[in-house]
Amino acid sequence: MNELLPHGWSDRSAKQVVAIVILVLMTMTLSFIEFPVAPQAHWLKYDPSGIVPLLVTLLYGPAVGVGVAVLAWVPHLIASPIGSLMNICSTTILLLVMSAVYRRRPSLSRAILGAALGVAAVVAIMSCLNMAITPLVVHDVTYQDVTSLVPAAVAPFNLAKATVNAAITLAAYRPLGRLLES
């Protein structure tokens, strides 16, 4: 039976697997709660689904965190494939950078440093991706429009979204970790 499980899953307890499945479902549910935040960039919407994969990354590692981030957006892939991929990219960038820093020497200060570096990476990379991809998929937006919106809406949106997700993750990490361990 263990040979049927993905690599590393045979080392997980049944309780951990159940917790991860519940966290995937929670993330999926949160992905449907969207708030438009930039009227001039109507395609930018905040949703709190990025928080759970960050928590999962700190608790179970980056591979599981990426898996949760990807699985949560599967229902959206048909209706909004590019938006879904952009959301997956944003969450994955933040969790990979945060994890790379945190995992070397786990501590609150390393988690905060990882979060700060992850937020910076999200802002830079997502600004570039928006400039490259948005004019191709959003019909009423030109490359010039997106270029002017990067400093006015895209970068601030990604800064706020990643910061909020990282801050909530850091605040919830210890209590959630204790809950899942008991």
N, C-alpha and C. Protein backbone atom coordinates (compact mmCIF):
# COMPACT_ATOMS: atom_id res chain seq x y z
N MET A 1 0.82 -1.20 0.00
CA MET A 1 0.00 0.00 0.00
C MET A 1 0.85 1.26 0.00
N ASN A 2 1.96 1.28 0.76
CA ASN A 2 2.81 2.46 0.84
C ASN A 2 3.41 2.83 -0.51
N GLU A 3 3.62 1.85 -1.40
CA GLU A 3 4.19 2.18 -2.70
C GLU A 3 3.21 2.94 -3.59
N LEU A 4 1.94 2.97 -3.24
CA LEU A 4 0.94 3.72 -3.99
C LEU A 4 0.88 5.19 -3.60
N LEU A 5 1.47 5.54 -2.47
CA LEU A 5 1.43 6.92 -1.99
C LEU A 5 2.53 7.75 -2.63
N PRO A 6 2.30 9.05 -2.82
CA PRO A 6 3.36 9.92 -3.33
C PRO A 6 4.57 9.91 -2.39
N HIS A 7 5.74 10.24 -2.93
CA HIS A 7 6.97 10.24 -2.15
C HIS A 7 6.82 11.05 -0.86
N GLY A 8 7.22 10.47 0.26
CA GLY A 8 7.18 11.15 1.54
C GLY A 8 5.88 10.98 2.31
N TRP A 9 4.81 10.52 1.64
CA TRP A 9 3.52 10.40 2.32
C TRP A 9 3.47 9.19 3.24
N SER A 10 4.27 8.17 2.96
CA SER A 10 4.25 7.00 3.83
C SER A 10 4.80 7.33 5.21
N ASP A 11 5.56 8.43 5.32
CA ASP A 11 6.11 8.86 6.60
C ASP A 11 5.09 9.66 7.41
N ARG A 12 3.98 10.02 6.83
CA ARG A 12 2.98 10.85 7.50
C ARG A 12 1.97 9.96 8.23
N SER A 13 1.53 10.45 9.36
CA SER A 13 0.50 9.72 10.10
C SER A 13 -0.85 9.94 9.42
N ALA A 14 -1.77 9.08 9.74
CA ALA A 14 -3.12 9.23 9.19
C ALA A 14 -3.72 10.57 9.61
N LYS A 15 -3.41 11.00 10.82
CA LYS A 15 -3.91 12.28 11.32
C LYS A 15 -3.37 13.44 10.47
N GLN A 16 -2.09 13.37 10.09
CA GLN A 16 -1.51 14.42 9.26
C GLN A 16 -2.15 14.44 7.87
N VAL A 17 -2.37 13.28 7.29
CA VAL A 17 -2.98 13.20 5.97
C VAL A 17 -4.39 13.78 6.01
N VAL A 18 -5.15 13.43 7.04
CA VAL A 18 -6.50 13.97 7.19
C VAL A 18 -6.45 15.48 7.36
N ALA A 19 -5.52 15.97 8.18
CA ALA A 19 -5.37 17.43 8.38
C ALA A 19 -5.05 18.12 7.06
N ILE A 20 -4.17 17.53 6.26
CA ILE A 20 -3.80 18.14 4.98
C ILE A 20 -5.00 18.17 4.03
N VAL A 21 -5.76 17.10 3.98
CA VAL A 21 -6.95 17.08 3.13
C VAL A 21 -7.95 18.15 3.56
N ILE A 22 -8.16 18.28 4.86
CA ILE A 22 -9.06 19.32 5.37
C ILE A 22 -8.52 20.71 5.01
N LEU A 23 -7.22 20.90 5.11
CA LEU A 23 -6.62 22.19 4.77
C LEU A 23 -6.74 22.49 3.27
N VAL A 24 -6.65 21.46 2.43
CA VAL A 24 -6.88 21.65 0.98
C VAL A 24 -8.31 22.13 0.75
N LEU A 25 -9.26 21.47 1.39
CA LEU A 25 -10.66 21.86 1.23
C LEU A 25 -10.93 23.27 1.77
N MET A 26 -10.28 23.61 2.88
CA MET A 26 -10.42 24.96 3.43
C MET A 26 -9.86 25.99 2.44
N THR A 27 -8.71 25.70 1.86
CA THR A 27 -8.10 26.61 0.89
C THR A 27 -8.99 26.75 -0.33
N MET A 28 -9.53 25.64 -0.79
CA MET A 28 -10.42 25.66 -1.95
C MET A 28 -11.63 26.55 -1.67
N THR A 29 -12.21 26.42 -0.49
CA THR A 29 -13.36 27.25 -0.12
C THR A 29 -12.98 28.72 -0.07
N LEU A 30 -11.84 29.02 0.54
CA LEU A 30 -11.40 30.41 0.63
C LEU A 30 -11.10 31.03 -0.74
N SER A 31 -10.75 30.19 -1.71
CA SER A 31 -10.43 30.72 -3.04
C SER A 31 -11.66 31.31 -3.74
N PHE A 32 -12.84 30.98 -3.26
CA PHE A 32 -14.06 31.53 -3.85
C PHE A 32 -14.49 32.85 -3.21
N ILE A 33 -13.80 33.28 -2.17
CA ILE A 33 -14.11 34.54 -1.51
C ILE A 33 -13.15 35.58 -2.07
N GLU A 34 -13.65 36.40 -2.98
CA GLU A 34 -12.80 37.38 -3.66
C GLU A 34 -13.33 38.79 -3.44
N PHE A 35 -12.38 39.70 -3.28
CA PHE A 35 -12.71 41.11 -3.12
C PHE A 35 -11.94 41.92 -4.15
N PRO A 36 -12.64 42.63 -5.06
CA PRO A 36 -11.91 43.53 -5.95
C PRO A 36 -11.37 44.70 -5.13
N VAL A 37 -10.11 45.04 -5.36
CA VAL A 37 -9.50 46.08 -4.53
C VAL A 37 -8.94 47.24 -5.33
N ALA A 38 -8.82 47.09 -6.63
CA ALA A 38 -8.26 48.16 -7.46
C ALA A 38 -9.21 48.41 -8.63
N PRO A 39 -10.05 49.44 -8.52
CA PRO A 39 -11.03 49.68 -9.59
C PRO A 39 -10.39 49.86 -10.97
N GLN A 40 -9.20 50.46 -11.01
CA GLN A 40 -8.54 50.67 -12.29
C GLN A 40 -7.93 49.38 -12.85
N ALA A 41 -7.82 48.35 -12.02
CA ALA A 41 -7.30 47.05 -12.44
C ALA A 41 -8.29 45.98 -11.96
N HIS A 42 -9.41 45.89 -12.66
CA HIS A 42 -10.53 45.06 -12.22
C HIS A 42 -10.18 43.56 -12.11
N TRP A 43 -9.13 43.13 -12.72
CA TRP A 43 -8.74 41.72 -12.65
C TRP A 43 -8.01 41.37 -11.36
N LEU A 44 -7.60 42.36 -10.60
CA LEU A 44 -6.90 42.11 -9.34
C LEU A 44 -7.92 41.97 -8.22
N LYS A 45 -7.98 40.78 -7.64
CA LYS A 45 -8.93 40.51 -6.56
C LYS A 45 -8.19 39.81 -5.43
N TYR A 46 -8.46 40.28 -4.22
CA TYR A 46 -7.87 39.61 -3.05
C TYR A 46 -8.75 38.44 -2.64
N ASP A 47 -8.12 37.33 -2.36
CA ASP A 47 -8.80 36.20 -1.73
C ASP A 47 -7.86 35.66 -0.67
N PRO A 48 -8.40 35.18 0.44
CA PRO A 48 -7.56 34.74 1.55
C PRO A 48 -7.00 33.32 1.40
N SER A 49 -7.16 32.70 0.24
CA SER A 49 -6.74 31.30 0.08
C SER A 49 -5.22 31.10 0.18
N GLY A 50 -4.44 32.14 0.00
CA GLY A 50 -2.99 32.00 0.08
C GLY A 50 -2.46 31.78 1.50
N ILE A 51 -3.29 32.05 2.48
CA ILE A 51 -2.86 31.91 3.88
C ILE A 51 -2.64 30.43 4.24
N VAL A 52 -3.54 29.58 3.85
CA VAL A 52 -3.48 28.18 4.26
C VAL A 52 -2.25 27.47 3.68
N PRO A 53 -1.93 27.62 2.39
CA PRO A 53 -0.71 26.98 1.90
C PRO A 53 0.56 27.46 2.61
N LEU A 54 0.58 28.72 3.03
CA LEU A 54 1.73 29.21 3.79
C LEU A 54 1.82 28.49 5.14
N LEU A 55 0.69 28.35 5.81
CA LEU A 55 0.67 27.61 7.08
C LEU A 55 1.09 26.16 6.87
N VAL A 56 0.56 25.54 5.83
CA VAL A 56 0.90 24.15 5.52
C VAL A 56 2.40 24.02 5.26
N THR A 57 2.98 25.00 4.58
CA THR A 57 4.42 24.98 4.30
C THR A 57 5.22 24.99 5.59
N LEU A 58 4.85 25.85 6.52
CA LEU A 58 5.58 25.91 7.79
C LEU A 58 5.39 24.63 8.60
N LEU A 59 4.21 24.02 8.51
CA LEU A 59 3.92 22.82 9.29
C LEU A 59 4.45 21.54 8.65
N TYR A 60 4.30 21.40 7.33
CA TYR A 60 4.58 20.13 6.67
C TYR A 60 5.62 20.20 5.56
N GLY A 61 6.10 21.40 5.23
CA GLY A 61 7.13 21.53 4.21
C GLY A 61 6.60 22.14 2.92
N PRO A 62 7.53 22.64 2.09
CA PRO A 62 7.13 23.36 0.88
C PRO A 62 6.45 22.50 -0.19
N ALA A 63 6.81 21.24 -0.30
CA ALA A 63 6.17 20.39 -1.31
C ALA A 63 4.68 20.25 -1.03
N VAL A 64 4.33 20.05 0.23
CA VAL A 64 2.92 19.93 0.60
C VAL A 64 2.23 21.28 0.44
N GLY A 65 2.92 22.37 0.80
CA GLY A 65 2.36 23.70 0.63
C GLY A 65 2.03 24.01 -0.83
N VAL A 66 2.95 23.68 -1.72
CA VAL A 66 2.70 23.89 -3.16
C VAL A 66 1.53 23.02 -3.61
N GLY A 67 1.48 21.78 -3.14
CA GLY A 67 0.36 20.90 -3.49
C GLY A 67 -0.97 21.47 -3.06
N VAL A 68 -1.03 22.01 -1.86
CA VAL A 68 -2.27 22.62 -1.37
C VAL A 68 -2.64 23.84 -2.22
N ALA A 69 -1.65 24.67 -2.55
CA ALA A 69 -1.90 25.86 -3.37
C ALA A 69 -2.44 25.48 -4.74
N VAL A 70 -1.88 24.46 -5.34
CA VAL A 70 -2.32 24.05 -6.68
C VAL A 70 -3.70 23.41 -6.62
N LEU A 71 -3.89 22.47 -5.70
CA LEU A 71 -5.18 21.77 -5.61
C LEU A 71 -6.34 22.73 -5.33
N ALA A 72 -6.08 23.77 -4.57
CA ALA A 72 -7.14 24.72 -4.22
C ALA A 72 -7.69 25.45 -5.44
N TRP A 73 -6.86 25.62 -6.45
CA TRP A 73 -7.28 26.39 -7.62
C TRP A 73 -7.75 25.52 -8.78
N VAL A 74 -7.76 24.20 -8.62
CA VAL A 74 -8.24 23.30 -9.68
C VAL A 74 -9.67 23.65 -10.11
N PRO A 75 -10.60 23.93 -9.18
CA PRO A 75 -11.96 24.26 -9.64
C PRO A 75 -12.03 25.53 -10.49
N HIS A 76 -11.06 26.41 -10.37
CA HIS A 76 -11.07 27.68 -11.10
C HIS A 76 -10.41 27.57 -12.48
N LEU A 77 -9.70 26.50 -12.73
CA LEU A 77 -8.91 26.40 -13.96
C LEU A 77 -9.74 26.48 -15.23
N ILE A 78 -10.97 26.03 -15.21
CA ILE A 78 -11.80 26.08 -16.41
C ILE A 78 -12.31 27.48 -16.66
N ALA A 79 -12.85 28.13 -15.64
CA ALA A 79 -13.43 29.46 -15.80
C ALA A 79 -12.37 30.55 -15.95
N SER A 80 -11.27 30.41 -15.25
CA SER A 80 -10.23 31.45 -15.27
C SER A 80 -8.84 30.81 -15.20
N PRO A 81 -8.41 30.18 -16.30
CA PRO A 81 -7.13 29.47 -16.24
C PRO A 81 -5.94 30.39 -15.96
N ILE A 82 -5.90 31.55 -16.57
CA ILE A 82 -4.76 32.45 -16.38
C ILE A 82 -4.79 33.04 -14.97
N GLY A 83 -5.96 33.48 -14.53
CA GLY A 83 -6.08 34.01 -13.17
C GLY A 83 -5.70 32.97 -12.13
N SER A 84 -6.11 31.73 -12.37
CA SER A 84 -5.76 30.64 -11.45
C SER A 84 -4.26 30.42 -11.41
N LEU A 85 -3.64 30.38 -12.58
CA LEU A 85 -2.19 30.18 -12.63
C LEU A 85 -1.44 31.35 -12.00
N MET A 86 -1.94 32.56 -12.19
CA MET A 86 -1.30 33.72 -11.57
C MET A 86 -1.41 33.63 -10.04
N ASN A 87 -2.56 33.21 -9.55
CA ASN A 87 -2.74 33.07 -8.10
C ASN A 87 -1.84 31.98 -7.55
N ILE A 88 -1.75 30.86 -8.26
CA ILE A 88 -0.85 29.78 -7.85
C ILE A 88 0.59 30.27 -7.83
N CYS A 89 0.99 31.01 -8.86
CA CYS A 89 2.36 31.56 -8.92
C CYS A 89 2.63 32.47 -7.72
N SER A 90 1.72 33.37 -7.45
CA SER A 90 1.90 34.32 -6.36
C SER A 90 2.07 33.60 -5.03
N THR A 91 1.19 32.66 -4.76
CA THR A 91 1.25 31.92 -3.50
C THR A 91 2.52 31.07 -3.42
N THR A 92 2.86 30.42 -4.53
CA THR A 92 4.02 29.54 -4.56
C THR A 92 5.33 30.32 -4.38
N ILE A 93 5.43 31.47 -5.00
CA ILE A 93 6.63 32.30 -4.82
C ILE A 93 6.81 32.64 -3.35
N LEU A 94 5.75 33.12 -2.72
CA LEU A 94 5.83 33.51 -1.32
C LEU A 94 6.19 32.32 -0.43
N LEU A 95 5.54 31.20 -0.63
CA LEU A 95 5.81 30.08 0.27
C LEU A 95 7.18 29.46 0.03
N LEU A 96 7.67 29.44 -1.21
CA LEU A 96 9.00 28.87 -1.46
C LEU A 96 10.11 29.74 -0.87
N VAL A 97 9.99 31.06 -1.04
CA VAL A 97 11.01 31.94 -0.47
C VAL A 97 10.95 31.90 1.05
N MET A 98 9.75 32.00 1.59
CA MET A 98 9.60 31.98 3.05
C MET A 98 10.15 30.67 3.62
N SER A 99 9.84 29.56 2.98
CA SER A 99 10.29 28.26 3.44
C SER A 99 11.80 28.11 3.34
N ALA A 100 12.39 28.60 2.25
CA ALA A 100 13.84 28.48 2.05
C ALA A 100 14.60 29.17 3.17
N VAL A 101 14.11 30.31 3.61
CA VAL A 101 14.77 31.04 4.69
C VAL A 101 14.47 30.39 6.04
N TYR A 102 13.21 30.05 6.27
CA TYR A 102 12.78 29.51 7.56
C TYR A 102 13.37 28.13 7.83
N ARG A 103 13.41 27.27 6.86
CA ARG A 103 13.82 25.89 7.06
C ARG A 103 15.30 25.74 7.43
N ARG A 104 16.14 26.71 7.07
CA ARG A 104 17.57 26.62 7.39
C ARG A 104 17.80 26.62 8.90
N ARG A 105 17.11 27.50 9.60
CA ARG A 105 17.16 27.59 11.07
C ARG A 105 15.80 28.08 11.55
N PRO A 106 14.87 27.16 11.78
CA PRO A 106 13.50 27.57 12.14
C PRO A 106 13.46 28.43 13.40
N SER A 107 12.92 29.62 13.25
CA SER A 107 12.69 30.54 14.36
C SER A 107 11.72 31.61 13.88
N LEU A 108 11.16 32.34 14.81
CA LEU A 108 10.23 33.40 14.44
C LEU A 108 10.93 34.47 13.60
N SER A 109 12.16 34.83 13.98
CA SER A 109 12.86 35.87 13.22
C SER A 109 13.15 35.41 11.80
N ARG A 110 13.47 34.12 11.62
CA ARG A 110 13.71 33.59 10.27
C ARG A 110 12.40 33.52 9.47
N ALA A 111 11.31 33.22 10.13
CA ALA A 111 10.02 33.20 9.45
C ALA A 111 9.64 34.61 8.99
N ILE A 112 9.91 35.60 9.83
CA ILE A 112 9.62 37.00 9.47
C ILE A 112 10.52 37.45 8.31
N LEU A 113 11.80 37.12 8.40
CA LEU A 113 12.73 37.46 7.31
C LEU A 113 12.30 36.78 6.02
N GLY A 114 11.96 35.50 6.10
CA GLY A 114 11.49 34.77 4.91
C GLY A 114 10.24 35.39 4.33
N ALA A 115 9.33 35.80 5.21
CA ALA A 115 8.10 36.44 4.75
C ALA A 115 8.41 37.76 4.04
N ALA A 116 9.29 38.55 4.62
CA ALA A 116 9.64 39.85 4.01
C ALA A 116 10.29 39.65 2.64
N LEU A 117 11.23 38.71 2.55
CA LEU A 117 11.88 38.44 1.27
C LEU A 117 10.88 37.85 0.27
N GLY A 118 9.97 37.00 0.76
CA GLY A 118 8.94 36.44 -0.10
C GLY A 118 8.00 37.50 -0.64
N VAL A 119 7.62 38.44 0.20
CA VAL A 119 6.76 39.54 -0.24
C VAL A 119 7.45 40.35 -1.34
N ALA A 120 8.73 40.65 -1.15
CA ALA A 120 9.48 41.40 -2.16
C ALA A 120 9.54 40.61 -3.48
N ALA A 121 9.76 39.31 -3.38
CA ALA A 121 9.82 38.48 -4.59
C ALA A 121 8.47 38.45 -5.30
N VAL A 122 7.39 38.35 -4.53
CA VAL A 122 6.05 38.34 -5.12
C VAL A 122 5.79 39.65 -5.87
N VAL A 123 6.12 40.77 -5.26
CA VAL A 123 5.88 42.07 -5.90
C VAL A 123 6.66 42.15 -7.21
N ALA A 124 7.92 41.79 -7.19
CA ALA A 124 8.75 41.89 -8.40
C ALA A 124 8.28 40.93 -9.49
N ILE A 125 8.12 39.68 -9.15
CA ILE A 125 7.79 38.68 -10.16
C ILE A 125 6.36 38.86 -10.69
N MET A 126 5.42 39.12 -9.80
CA MET A 126 4.04 39.28 -10.26
C MET A 126 3.86 40.56 -11.07
N SER A 127 4.64 41.59 -10.79
CA SER A 127 4.58 42.80 -11.63
C SER A 127 5.02 42.46 -13.05
N CYS A 128 6.10 41.71 -13.16
CA CYS A 128 6.60 41.30 -14.49
C CYS A 128 5.60 40.38 -15.19
N LEU A 129 5.06 39.41 -14.46
CA LEU A 129 4.08 38.50 -15.07
C LEU A 129 2.83 39.25 -15.52
N ASN A 130 2.37 40.20 -14.71
CA ASN A 130 1.20 40.99 -15.12
C ASN A 130 1.48 41.78 -16.38
N MET A 131 2.67 42.35 -16.49
CA MET A 131 3.02 43.11 -17.70
C MET A 131 3.06 42.20 -18.93
N ALA A 132 3.51 40.98 -18.76
CA ALA A 132 3.63 40.07 -19.89
C ALA A 132 2.31 39.40 -20.26
N ILE A 133 1.52 39.03 -19.26
CA ILE A 133 0.35 38.18 -19.52
C ILE A 133 -0.96 38.96 -19.61
N THR A 134 -1.17 39.94 -18.78
CA THR A 134 -2.47 40.64 -18.72
C THR A 134 -2.93 41.18 -20.06
N PRO A 135 -2.07 41.86 -20.84
CA PRO A 135 -2.56 42.37 -22.13
C PRO A 135 -3.00 41.26 -23.09
N LEU A 136 -2.50 40.06 -22.89
CA LEU A 136 -2.88 38.96 -23.77
C LEU A 136 -4.23 38.35 -23.42
N VAL A 137 -4.66 38.49 -22.16
CA VAL A 137 -5.88 37.80 -21.73
C VAL A 137 -7.01 38.73 -21.29
N VAL A 138 -6.70 39.94 -20.89
CA VAL A 138 -7.75 40.90 -20.51
C VAL A 138 -7.97 41.78 -21.73
N HIS A 139 -9.15 41.65 -22.33
CA HIS A 139 -9.42 42.23 -23.64
C HIS A 139 -9.38 43.76 -23.69
N ASP A 140 -9.75 44.42 -22.63
CA ASP A 140 -9.80 45.88 -22.67
C ASP A 140 -8.55 46.54 -22.08
N VAL A 141 -7.46 45.79 -21.95
CA VAL A 141 -6.24 46.31 -21.35
C VAL A 141 -5.07 46.15 -22.32
N THR A 142 -4.36 47.23 -22.55
CA THR A 142 -3.19 47.18 -23.45
C THR A 142 -1.90 47.07 -22.62
N TYR A 143 -0.82 46.80 -23.31
CA TYR A 143 0.48 46.73 -22.64
C TYR A 143 0.80 48.07 -21.96
N GLN A 144 0.49 49.18 -22.61
CA GLN A 144 0.73 50.50 -22.03
C GLN A 144 -0.11 50.71 -20.77
N ASP A 145 -1.36 50.22 -20.81
CA ASP A 145 -2.22 50.33 -19.62
C ASP A 145 -1.59 49.60 -18.44
N VAL A 146 -1.14 48.37 -18.68
CA VAL A 146 -0.56 47.58 -17.59
C VAL A 146 0.73 48.21 -17.10
N THR A 147 1.54 48.70 -18.03
CA THR A 147 2.79 49.35 -17.63
C THR A 147 2.53 50.53 -16.71
N SER A 148 1.51 51.31 -17.01
CA SER A 148 1.19 52.45 -16.14
C SER A 148 0.53 52.01 -14.84
N LEU A 149 -0.12 50.85 -14.86
CA LEU A 149 -0.79 50.36 -13.66
C LEU A 149 0.13 49.61 -12.70
N VAL A 150 1.31 49.19 -13.16
CA VAL A 150 2.20 48.44 -12.27
C VAL A 150 2.53 49.25 -11.01
N PRO A 151 3.02 50.49 -11.15
CA PRO A 151 3.31 51.22 -9.90
C PRO A 151 2.06 51.73 -9.19
N ALA A 152 0.98 51.92 -9.92
CA ALA A 152 -0.23 52.48 -9.33
C ALA A 152 -1.16 51.44 -8.70
N ALA A 153 -1.17 50.22 -9.25
CA ALA A 153 -2.13 49.23 -8.76
C ALA A 153 -1.54 47.83 -8.59
N VAL A 154 -0.82 47.35 -9.59
CA VAL A 154 -0.35 45.96 -9.56
C VAL A 154 0.64 45.71 -8.42
N ALA A 155 1.68 46.52 -8.35
CA ALA A 155 2.69 46.33 -7.28
C ALA A 155 2.08 46.56 -5.90
N PRO A 156 1.30 47.65 -5.68
CA PRO A 156 0.68 47.82 -4.36
C PRO A 156 -0.28 46.69 -4.00
N PHE A 157 -1.02 46.19 -4.99
CA PHE A 157 -1.93 45.08 -4.73
C PHE A 157 -1.15 43.85 -4.27
N ASN A 158 -0.10 43.49 -5.00
CA ASN A 158 0.69 42.32 -4.63
C ASN A 158 1.41 42.51 -3.31
N LEU A 159 1.86 43.72 -3.04
CA LEU A 159 2.49 44.02 -1.75
C LEU A 159 1.49 43.82 -0.61
N ALA A 160 0.29 44.36 -0.77
CA ALA A 160 -0.73 44.24 0.28
C ALA A 160 -1.18 42.80 0.44
N LYS A 161 -1.46 42.12 -0.66
CA LYS A 161 -1.94 40.74 -0.60
C LYS A 161 -0.91 39.83 0.07
N ALA A 162 0.33 39.89 -0.37
CA ALA A 162 1.37 39.01 0.19
C ALA A 162 1.65 39.36 1.64
N THR A 163 1.63 40.65 1.98
CA THR A 163 1.88 41.07 3.35
C THR A 163 0.77 40.59 4.28
N VAL A 164 -0.48 40.76 3.87
CA VAL A 164 -1.61 40.30 4.69
C VAL A 164 -1.53 38.79 4.88
N ASN A 165 -1.31 38.05 3.79
CA ASN A 165 -1.24 36.59 3.89
C ASN A 165 -0.10 36.15 4.80
N ALA A 166 1.07 36.78 4.66
CA ALA A 166 2.21 36.41 5.49
C ALA A 166 1.97 36.78 6.96
N ALA A 167 1.39 37.95 7.21
CA ALA A 167 1.15 38.38 8.59
C ALA A 167 0.15 37.46 9.29
N ILE A 168 -0.93 37.11 8.61
CA ILE A 168 -1.90 36.20 9.21
C ILE A 168 -1.28 34.83 9.43
N THR A 169 -0.48 34.38 8.50
CA THR A 169 0.22 33.09 8.65
C THR A 169 1.11 33.10 9.87
N LEU A 170 1.91 34.14 10.02
CA LEU A 170 2.83 34.21 11.17
C LEU A 170 2.06 34.28 12.49
N ALA A 171 0.92 34.96 12.50
CA ALA A 171 0.13 35.06 13.72
C ALA A 171 -0.56 33.73 14.05
N ALA A 172 -0.94 32.97 13.04
CA ALA A 172 -1.71 31.74 13.27
C ALA A 172 -0.84 30.49 13.37
N TYR A 173 0.42 30.60 13.02
CA TYR A 173 1.29 29.41 12.93
C TYR A 173 1.39 28.64 14.25
N ARG A 174 1.75 29.28 15.32
CA ARG A 174 1.92 28.59 16.60
C ARG A 174 0.63 27.97 17.12
N PRO A 175 -0.48 28.74 17.16
CA PRO A 175 -1.73 28.13 17.65
C PRO A 175 -2.20 26.96 16.77
N LEU A 176 -2.09 27.11 15.46
CA LEU A 176 -2.52 26.03 14.57
C LEU A 176 -1.60 24.82 14.72
N GLY A 177 -0.31 25.05 14.83
CA GLY A 177 0.64 23.96 15.03
C GLY A 177 0.33 23.16 16.28
N ARG A 178 0.04 23.86 17.36
CA ARG A 178 -0.32 23.17 18.62
C ARG A 178 -1.62 22.38 18.45
N LEU A 179 -2.59 22.96 17.76
CA LEU A 179 -3.87 22.28 17.55
C LEU A 179 -3.69 21.01 16.75
N LEU A 180 -2.89 21.07 15.69
CA LEU A 180 -2.70 19.90 14.84
C LEU A 180 -1.81 18.84 15.49
N GLU A 181 -0.98 19.24 16.43
CA GLU A 181 -0.12 18.28 17.13
C GLU A 181 -0.87 17.51 18.20
N SER A 182 -1.89 18.11 18.77
CA SER A 182 -2.61 17.45 19.89
C SER A 182 -3.53 16.36 19.42
